[in-house]
Amino acid sequence: MNIENNVLIDERFLAATRRDMIKFAHLQLRDAAQAEDVVQEALVAALDNARGFAGRSALKTWIFAILKNKIVDLIRQQARTTNVSALATDEESLDQTFESLFKANAHWSPAARPRDWGNPEESLREQRFWEVFDACLKHLPENTARVFMMREFLEFETPEVCRELSISTSNCNVILHRARNGLRRCLEKNWFAAGERPC
């Protein structure tokens, strides 16, 4: 597949892909200027290496892999030059909320038990799902979302997340637990609720 002459010169594809890249980068970096810069670098790298695209994955997936690597490089570079303060957010009310979901024996309270999500693979293929997921991610506290994205989207190992953000492993695990529970509850309410799909 010759992407130089085929897809990358399609202005609509490029505009839509760039828009999605900006959203992805901004969710992780939380800085509009940095998101613009890293997306620009990723697009330039994709164009420079267009001949290396073997067509084994979707073009957009390949471009996003380049973006992901650029974001990881930027985070690591910043961690070497900036002392990232320990995460400190007022999440006591969140703690109390999560505690109420479980009985004393650490099992789910009957009313808080997760509902059946149906076929998650089908939902993952739907673009609207990712729009709802992004909205749910934005409702997490900023630092909680950042830790979640470093671990789950950018695939940092937990020790590396802890080192980059100067947090303990137990703190990281608590933050990831809160993020996953917060996302689960938001998705259940706004996406997986029986018979409902947000319009």
C-alpha atoms as a PDB file:
ATOM      1  CA  MET A   1       0.000   0.000   0.000  1.00  0.00           C
ATOM      2  CA  ASN A   2       1.489   3.319  -1.033  1.00  0.00           C
ATOM      3  CA  ILE A   3       0.348   5.695   1.661  1.00  0.00           C
ATOM      4  CA  GLU A   4       2.233   8.652   0.223  1.00  0.00           C
ATOM      5  CA  ASN A   5      -0.009   8.712  -2.819  1.00  0.00           C
ATOM      6  CA  ASN A   6      -3.079   7.194  -1.267  1.00  0.00           C
ATOM      7  CA  VAL A   7      -4.323   7.937   2.217  1.00  0.00           C
ATOM      8  CA  LEU A   8      -2.085  10.551   3.785  1.00  0.00           C
ATOM      9  CA  ILE A   9      -2.861  13.073   1.059  1.00  0.00           C
ATOM     10  CA  ASP A  10      -6.588  12.634   1.749  1.00  0.00           C
ATOM     11  CA  GLU A  11      -7.240  15.883   3.609  1.00  0.00           C
ATOM     12  CA  ARG A  12     -10.407  14.638   5.311  1.00  0.00           C
ATOM     13  CA  PHE A  13      -8.652  11.552   6.673  1.00  0.00           C
ATOM     14  CA  LEU A  14      -5.713  13.647   7.840  1.00  0.00           C
ATOM     15  CA  ALA A  15      -7.950  16.245   9.523  1.00  0.00           C
ATOM     16  CA  ALA A  16     -10.030  13.595  11.325  1.00  0.00           C
ATOM     17  CA  THR A  17      -6.936  11.657  12.395  1.00  0.00           C
ATOM     18  CA  ARG A  18      -5.202  14.806  13.628  1.00  0.00           C
ATOM     19  CA  ARG A  19      -8.297  15.772  15.635  1.00  0.00           C
ATOM     20  CA  ASP A  20      -8.348  12.351  17.325  1.00  0.00           C
ATOM     21  CA  MET A  21      -4.607  12.548  17.964  1.00  0.00           C
ATOM     22  CA  ILE A  22      -4.961  15.956  19.633  1.00  0.00           C
ATOM     23  CA  LYS A  23      -7.701  14.593  21.903  1.00  0.00           C
ATOM     24  CA  PHE A  24      -5.594  11.577  22.841  1.00  0.00           C
ATOM     25  CA  ALA A  25      -2.455  13.645  23.493  1.00  0.00           C
ATOM     26  CA  HIS A  26      -4.320  16.276  25.493  1.00  0.00           C
ATOM     27  CA  LEU A  27      -5.959  13.647  27.699  1.00  0.00           C
ATOM     28  CA  GLN A  28      -2.500  12.434  28.692  1.00  0.00           C
ATOM     29  CA  LEU A  29      -0.449  15.627  28.719  1.00  0.00           C
ATOM     30  CA  ARG A  30      -3.161  18.042  29.929  1.00  0.00           C
ATOM     31  CA  ASP A  31      -1.404  20.812  28.046  1.00  0.00           C
ATOM     32  CA  ALA A  32      -2.775  22.092  24.724  1.00  0.00           C
ATOM     33  CA  ALA A  33       0.565  23.390  23.430  1.00  0.00           C
ATOM     34  CA  GLN A  34       2.396  20.170  24.253  1.00  0.00           C
ATOM     35  CA  ALA A  35      -0.399  18.130  22.685  1.00  0.00           C
ATOM     36  CA  GLU A  36      -0.143  20.172  19.463  1.00  0.00           C
ATOM     37  CA  ASP A  37       3.638  19.806  19.406  1.00  0.00           C
ATOM     38  CA  VAL A  38       3.694  16.063  19.989  1.00  0.00           C
ATOM     39  CA  VAL A  39       0.992  15.474  17.362  1.00  0.00           C
ATOM     40  CA  GLN A  40       2.942  17.562  14.859  1.00  0.00           C
ATOM     41  CA  GLU A  41       6.081  15.533  15.590  1.00  0.00           C
ATOM     42  CA  ALA A  42       4.172  12.263  15.182  1.00  0.00           C
ATOM     43  CA  LEU A  43       2.654  13.330  11.838  1.00  0.00           C
ATOM     44  CA  VAL A  44       6.037  14.468  10.534  1.00  0.00           C
ATOM     45  CA  ALA A  45       7.560  11.144  11.635  1.00  0.00           C
ATOM     46  CA  ALA A  46       4.737   9.246   9.904  1.00  0.00           C
ATOM     47  CA  LEU A  47       5.287  11.156   6.669  1.00  0.00           C
ATOM     48  CA  ASP A  48       9.056  10.728   6.882  1.00  0.00           C
ATOM     49  CA  ASN A  49       8.690   6.984   7.427  1.00  0.00           C
ATOM     50  CA  ALA A  50       5.756   6.398   5.078  1.00  0.00           C
ATOM     51  CA  ARG A  51       7.745   3.899   3.040  1.00  0.00           C
ATOM     52  CA  GLY A  52       8.218   1.826   6.184  1.00  0.00           C
ATOM     53  CA  PHE A  53       4.484   1.302   6.651  1.00  0.00           C
ATOM     54  CA  ALA A  54       4.008  -2.362   5.799  1.00  0.00           C
ATOM     55  CA  GLY A  55       0.219  -2.341   5.872  1.00  0.00           C
ATOM     56  CA  ARG A  56       0.029  -5.047   8.559  1.00  0.00           C
ATOM     57  CA  SER A  57      -2.158  -2.767  10.694  1.00  0.00           C
ATOM     58  CA  ALA A  58      -4.613   0.004   9.967  1.00  0.00           C
ATOM     59  CA  LEU A  59      -2.912   3.228   8.957  1.00  0.00           C
ATOM     60  CA  LYS A  60      -4.513   5.134  11.824  1.00  0.00           C
ATOM     61  CA  THR A  61      -3.305   2.483  14.294  1.00  0.00           C
ATOM     62  CA  TRP A  62       0.229   2.843  12.925  1.00  0.00           C
ATOM     63  CA  ILE A  63       0.134   6.639  13.244  1.00  0.00           C
ATOM     64  CA  PHE A  64      -1.231   6.380  16.792  1.00  0.00           C
ATOM     65  CA  ALA A  65       1.600   3.994  17.701  1.00  0.00           C
ATOM     66  CA  ILE A  66       4.044   6.701  16.631  1.00  0.00           C
ATOM     67  CA  LEU A  67       2.117   9.274  18.690  1.00  0.00           C
ATOM     68  CA  LYS A  68       2.107   6.984  21.716  1.00  0.00           C
ATOM     69  CA  ASN A  69       5.904   6.628  21.509  1.00  0.00           C
ATOM     70  CA  LYS A  70       6.309  10.407  21.211  1.00  0.00           C
ATOM     71  CA  ILE A  71       4.149  10.955  24.310  1.00  0.00           C
ATOM     72  CA  VAL A  72       6.122   8.351  26.282  1.00  0.00           C
ATOM     73  CA  ASP A  73       9.393  10.010  25.218  1.00  0.00           C
ATOM     74  CA  LEU A  74       8.080  13.428  26.286  1.00  0.00           C
ATOM     75  CA  ILE A  75       6.897  12.171  29.669  1.00  0.00           C
ATOM     76  CA  ARG A  76      10.249  10.502  30.318  1.00  0.00           C
ATOM     77  CA  GLN A  77      12.149  13.605  29.226  1.00  0.00           C
ATOM     78  CA  GLN A  78      10.063  15.823  31.513  1.00  0.00           C
ATOM     79  CA  ALA A  79      10.575  13.454  34.419  1.00  0.00           C
ATOM     80  CA  ARG A  80      14.344  13.718  33.973  1.00  0.00           C
ATOM     81  CA  THR A  81      14.274  17.518  33.928  1.00  0.00           C
ATOM     82  CA  THR A  82      11.356  18.292  36.258  1.00  0.00           C
ATOM     83  CA  ASN A  83      10.682  17.057  39.760  1.00  0.00           C
ATOM     84  CA  VAL A  84       7.096  15.924  39.392  1.00  0.00           C
ATOM     85  CA  SER A  85       5.375  16.427  42.738  1.00  0.00           C
ATOM     86  CA  ALA A  86       3.535  13.560  44.363  1.00  0.00           C
ATOM     87  CA  LEU A  87      -0.088  13.353  43.415  1.00  0.00           C
ATOM     88  CA  ALA A  88      -2.180  15.225  45.900  1.00  0.00           C
ATOM     89  CA  THR A  89      -5.880  15.561  45.225  1.00  0.00           C
ATOM     90  CA  ASP A  90      -8.794  15.856  47.592  1.00  0.00           C
ATOM     91  CA  GLU A  91     -10.386  12.476  46.995  1.00  0.00           C
ATOM     92  CA  GLU A  92     -11.658  11.670  50.484  1.00  0.00           C
ATOM     93  CA  SER A  93     -15.247  11.776  49.298  1.00  0.00           C
ATOM     94  CA  LEU A  94     -14.238   9.359  46.530  1.00  0.00           C
ATOM     95  CA  ASP A  95     -12.765   7.024  49.185  1.00  0.00           C
ATOM     96  CA  GLN A  96     -15.988   7.114  51.143  1.00  0.00           C
ATOM     97  CA  THR A  97     -17.995   6.422  47.998  1.00  0.00           C
ATOM     98  CA  PHE A  98     -15.897   3.396  47.098  1.00  0.00           C
ATOM     99  CA  GLU A  99     -16.025   2.059  50.660  1.00  0.00           C
ATOM    100  CA  SER A 100     -19.820   2.085  50.481  1.00  0.00           C
ATOM    101  CA  LEU A 101     -19.733  -0.266  47.483  1.00  0.00           C
ATOM    102  CA  PHE A 102     -18.368  -3.145  49.550  1.00  0.00           C
ATOM    103  CA  LYS A 103     -19.526  -5.094  52.565  1.00  0.00           C
ATOM    104  CA  ALA A 104     -17.250  -5.624  55.570  1.00  0.00           C
ATOM    105  CA  ASN A 105     -15.947  -8.883  54.035  1.00  0.00           C
ATOM    106  CA  ALA A 106     -14.730  -6.955  50.941  1.00  0.00           C
ATOM    107  CA  HIS A 107     -17.414  -8.452  48.687  1.00  0.00           C
ATOM    108  CA  TRP A 108     -19.727  -6.314  46.572  1.00  0.00           C
ATOM    109  CA  SER A 109     -22.814  -4.942  48.275  1.00  0.00           C
ATOM    110  CA  PRO A 110     -25.792  -6.389  46.359  1.00  0.00           C
ATOM    111  CA  ALA A 111     -26.988  -2.976  45.117  1.00  0.00           C
ATOM    112  CA  ALA A 112     -23.482  -1.961  44.009  1.00  0.00           C
ATOM    113  CA  ARG A 113     -22.633  -5.185  42.167  1.00  0.00           C
ATOM    114  CA  PRO A 114     -21.572  -4.454  38.551  1.00  0.00           C
ATOM    115  CA  ARG A 115     -24.280  -5.121  35.975  1.00  0.00           C
ATOM    116  CA  ASP A 116     -23.861  -7.375  32.955  1.00  0.00           C
ATOM    117  CA  TRP A 117     -22.207  -5.336  30.206  1.00  0.00           C
ATOM    118  CA  GLY A 118     -23.441  -7.505  27.369  1.00  0.00           C
ATOM    119  CA  ASN A 119     -20.870  -7.918  24.597  1.00  0.00           C
ATOM    120  CA  PRO A 120     -18.052  -5.452  25.379  1.00  0.00           C
ATOM    121  CA  GLU A 121     -16.179  -6.260  22.148  1.00  0.00           C
ATOM    122  CA  GLU A 122     -19.106  -4.995  20.109  1.00  0.00           C
ATOM    123  CA  SER A 123     -19.220  -1.769  22.116  1.00  0.00           C
ATOM    124  CA  LEU A 124     -15.490  -1.234  21.760  1.00  0.00           C
ATOM    125  CA  ARG A 125     -15.928  -1.118  17.997  1.00  0.00           C
ATOM    126  CA  GLU A 126     -18.386   1.706  18.235  1.00  0.00           C
ATOM    127  CA  GLN A 127     -16.911   5.192  17.881  1.00  0.00           C
ATOM    128  CA  ARG A 128     -19.548   6.610  20.181  1.00  0.00           C
ATOM    129  CA  PHE A 129     -18.285   4.363  22.974  1.00  0.00           C
ATOM    130  CA  TRP A 130     -14.880   6.065  22.829  1.00  0.00           C
ATOM    131  CA  GLU A 131     -16.520   9.486  22.955  1.00  0.00           C
ATOM    132  CA  VAL A 132     -18.334   8.450  26.143  1.00  0.00           C
ATOM    133  CA  PHE A 133     -15.136   6.864  27.488  1.00  0.00           C
ATOM    134  CA  ASP A 134     -13.216  10.113  26.861  1.00  0.00           C
ATOM    135  CA  ALA A 135     -15.919  12.079  28.661  1.00  0.00           C
ATOM    136  CA  CYS A 136     -15.746   9.672  31.614  1.00  0.00           C
ATOM    137  CA  LEU A 137     -11.952   9.922  31.675  1.00  0.00           C
ATOM    138  CA  LYS A 138     -12.189  13.717  31.753  1.00  0.00           C
ATOM    139  CA  HIS A 139     -14.438  13.500  34.823  1.00  0.00           C
ATOM    140  CA  LEU A 140     -11.715  11.723  36.786  1.00  0.00           C
ATOM    141  CA  PRO A 141      -9.403  13.942  38.829  1.00  0.00           C
ATOM    142  CA  GLU A 142      -6.607  15.086  36.527  1.00  0.00           C
ATOM    143  CA  ASN A 143      -3.799  13.199  38.264  1.00  0.00           C
ATOM    144  CA  THR A 144      -5.896  10.044  38.558  1.00  0.00           C
ATOM    145  CA  ALA A 145      -6.566  10.125  34.809  1.00  0.00           C
ATOM    146  CA  ARG A 146      -2.889  10.692  34.120  1.00  0.00           C
ATOM    147  CA  VAL A 147      -1.784   7.667  36.161  1.00  0.00           C
ATOM    148  CA  PHE A 148      -4.461   5.529  34.489  1.00  0.00           C
ATOM    149  CA  MET A 149      -3.399   6.586  31.000  1.00  0.00           C
ATOM    150  CA  MET A 150       0.289   6.074  31.709  1.00  0.00           C
ATOM    151  CA  ARG A 151      -0.423   2.535  32.909  1.00  0.00           C
ATOM    152  CA  GLU A 152      -3.203   1.412  30.567  1.00  0.00           C
ATOM    153  CA  PHE A 153      -2.845   3.479  27.380  1.00  0.00           C
ATOM    154  CA  LEU A 154       0.879   4.147  27.250  1.00  0.00           C
ATOM    155  CA  GLU A 155       1.700   0.780  28.858  1.00  0.00           C
ATOM    156  CA  PHE A 156       4.216   2.019  31.407  1.00  0.00           C
ATOM    157  CA  GLU A 157       4.984  -0.668  33.986  1.00  0.00           C
ATOM    158  CA  THR A 158       3.751   0.239  37.481  1.00  0.00           C
ATOM    159  CA  PRO A 159       7.290   0.792  38.881  1.00  0.00           C
ATOM    160  CA  GLU A 160       8.001   3.190  36.026  1.00  0.00           C
ATOM    161  CA  VAL A 161       4.794   5.144  36.658  1.00  0.00           C
ATOM    162  CA  CYS A 162       5.775   5.385  40.324  1.00  0.00           C
ATOM    163  CA  ARG A 163       9.287   6.533  39.487  1.00  0.00           C
ATOM    164  CA  GLU A 164       8.162   9.102  36.903  1.00  0.00           C
ATOM    165  CA  LEU A 165       5.548  10.623  39.231  1.00  0.00           C
ATOM    166  CA  SER A 166       7.403  10.147  42.541  1.00  0.00           C
ATOM    167  CA  ILE A 167       4.640   8.094  44.134  1.00  0.00           C
ATOM    168  CA  SER A 168       4.699   4.825  46.056  1.00  0.00           C
ATOM    169  CA  THR A 169       3.521   1.536  44.564  1.00  0.00           C
ATOM    170  CA  SER A 170       0.662   1.332  47.053  1.00  0.00           C
ATOM    171  CA  ASN A 171      -0.419   4.903  46.184  1.00  0.00           C
ATOM    172  CA  CYS A 172      -0.273   4.057  42.483  1.00  0.00           C
ATOM    173  CA  ASN A 173      -2.375   0.933  43.005  1.00  0.00           C
ATOM    174  CA  VAL A 174      -4.966   2.907  44.986  1.00  0.00           C
ATOM    175  CA  ILE A 175      -5.125   5.563  42.245  1.00  0.00           C
ATOM    176  CA  LEU A 176      -5.515   2.899  39.527  1.00  0.00           C
ATOM    177  CA  HIS A 177      -8.252   1.197  41.574  1.00  0.00           C
ATOM    178  CA  ARG A 178     -10.103   4.511  41.934  1.00  0.00           C
ATOM    179  CA  ALA A 179      -9.694   5.264  38.229  1.00  0.00           C
ATOM    180  CA  ARG A 180     -11.033   1.877  37.141  1.00  0.00           C
ATOM    181  CA  ASN A 181     -13.971   2.072  39.543  1.00  0.00           C
ATOM    182  CA  GLY A 182     -14.751   5.630  38.508  1.00  0.00           C
ATOM    183  CA  LEU A 183     -14.646   4.688  34.827  1.00  0.00           C
ATOM    184  CA  ARG A 184     -16.729   1.568  35.429  1.00  0.00           C
ATOM    185  CA  ARG A 185     -19.435   3.509  37.242  1.00  0.00           C
ATOM    186  CA  CYS A 186     -19.476   6.281  34.627  1.00  0.00           C
ATOM    187  CA  LEU A 187     -19.655   3.787  31.740  1.00  0.00           C
ATOM    188  CA  GLU A 188     -22.393   1.789  33.433  1.00  0.00           C
ATOM    189  CA  LYS A 189     -24.435   4.956  33.866  1.00  0.00           C
ATOM    190  CA  ASN A 190     -23.759   6.522  30.457  1.00  0.00           C
ATOM    191  CA  TRP A 191     -23.189   3.563  28.150  1.00  0.00           C
ATOM    192  CA  PHE A 192     -23.958   0.105  29.471  1.00  0.00           C
ATOM    193  CA  ALA A 193     -27.251   0.935  31.191  1.00  0.00           C
ATOM    194  CA  ALA A 194     -29.742  -1.700  30.041  1.00  0.00           C
ATOM    195  CA  GLY A 195     -31.380  -0.769  26.773  1.00  0.00           C
ATOM    196  CA  GLU A 196     -29.837   2.684  26.641  1.00  0.00           C
ATOM    197  CA  ARG A 197     -27.269   4.327  24.412  1.00  0.00           C
ATOM    198  CA  PRO A 198     -26.510   8.040  24.790  1.00  0.00           C
ATOM    199  CA  CYS A 199     -27.582  10.073  21.792  1.00  0.00           C
END
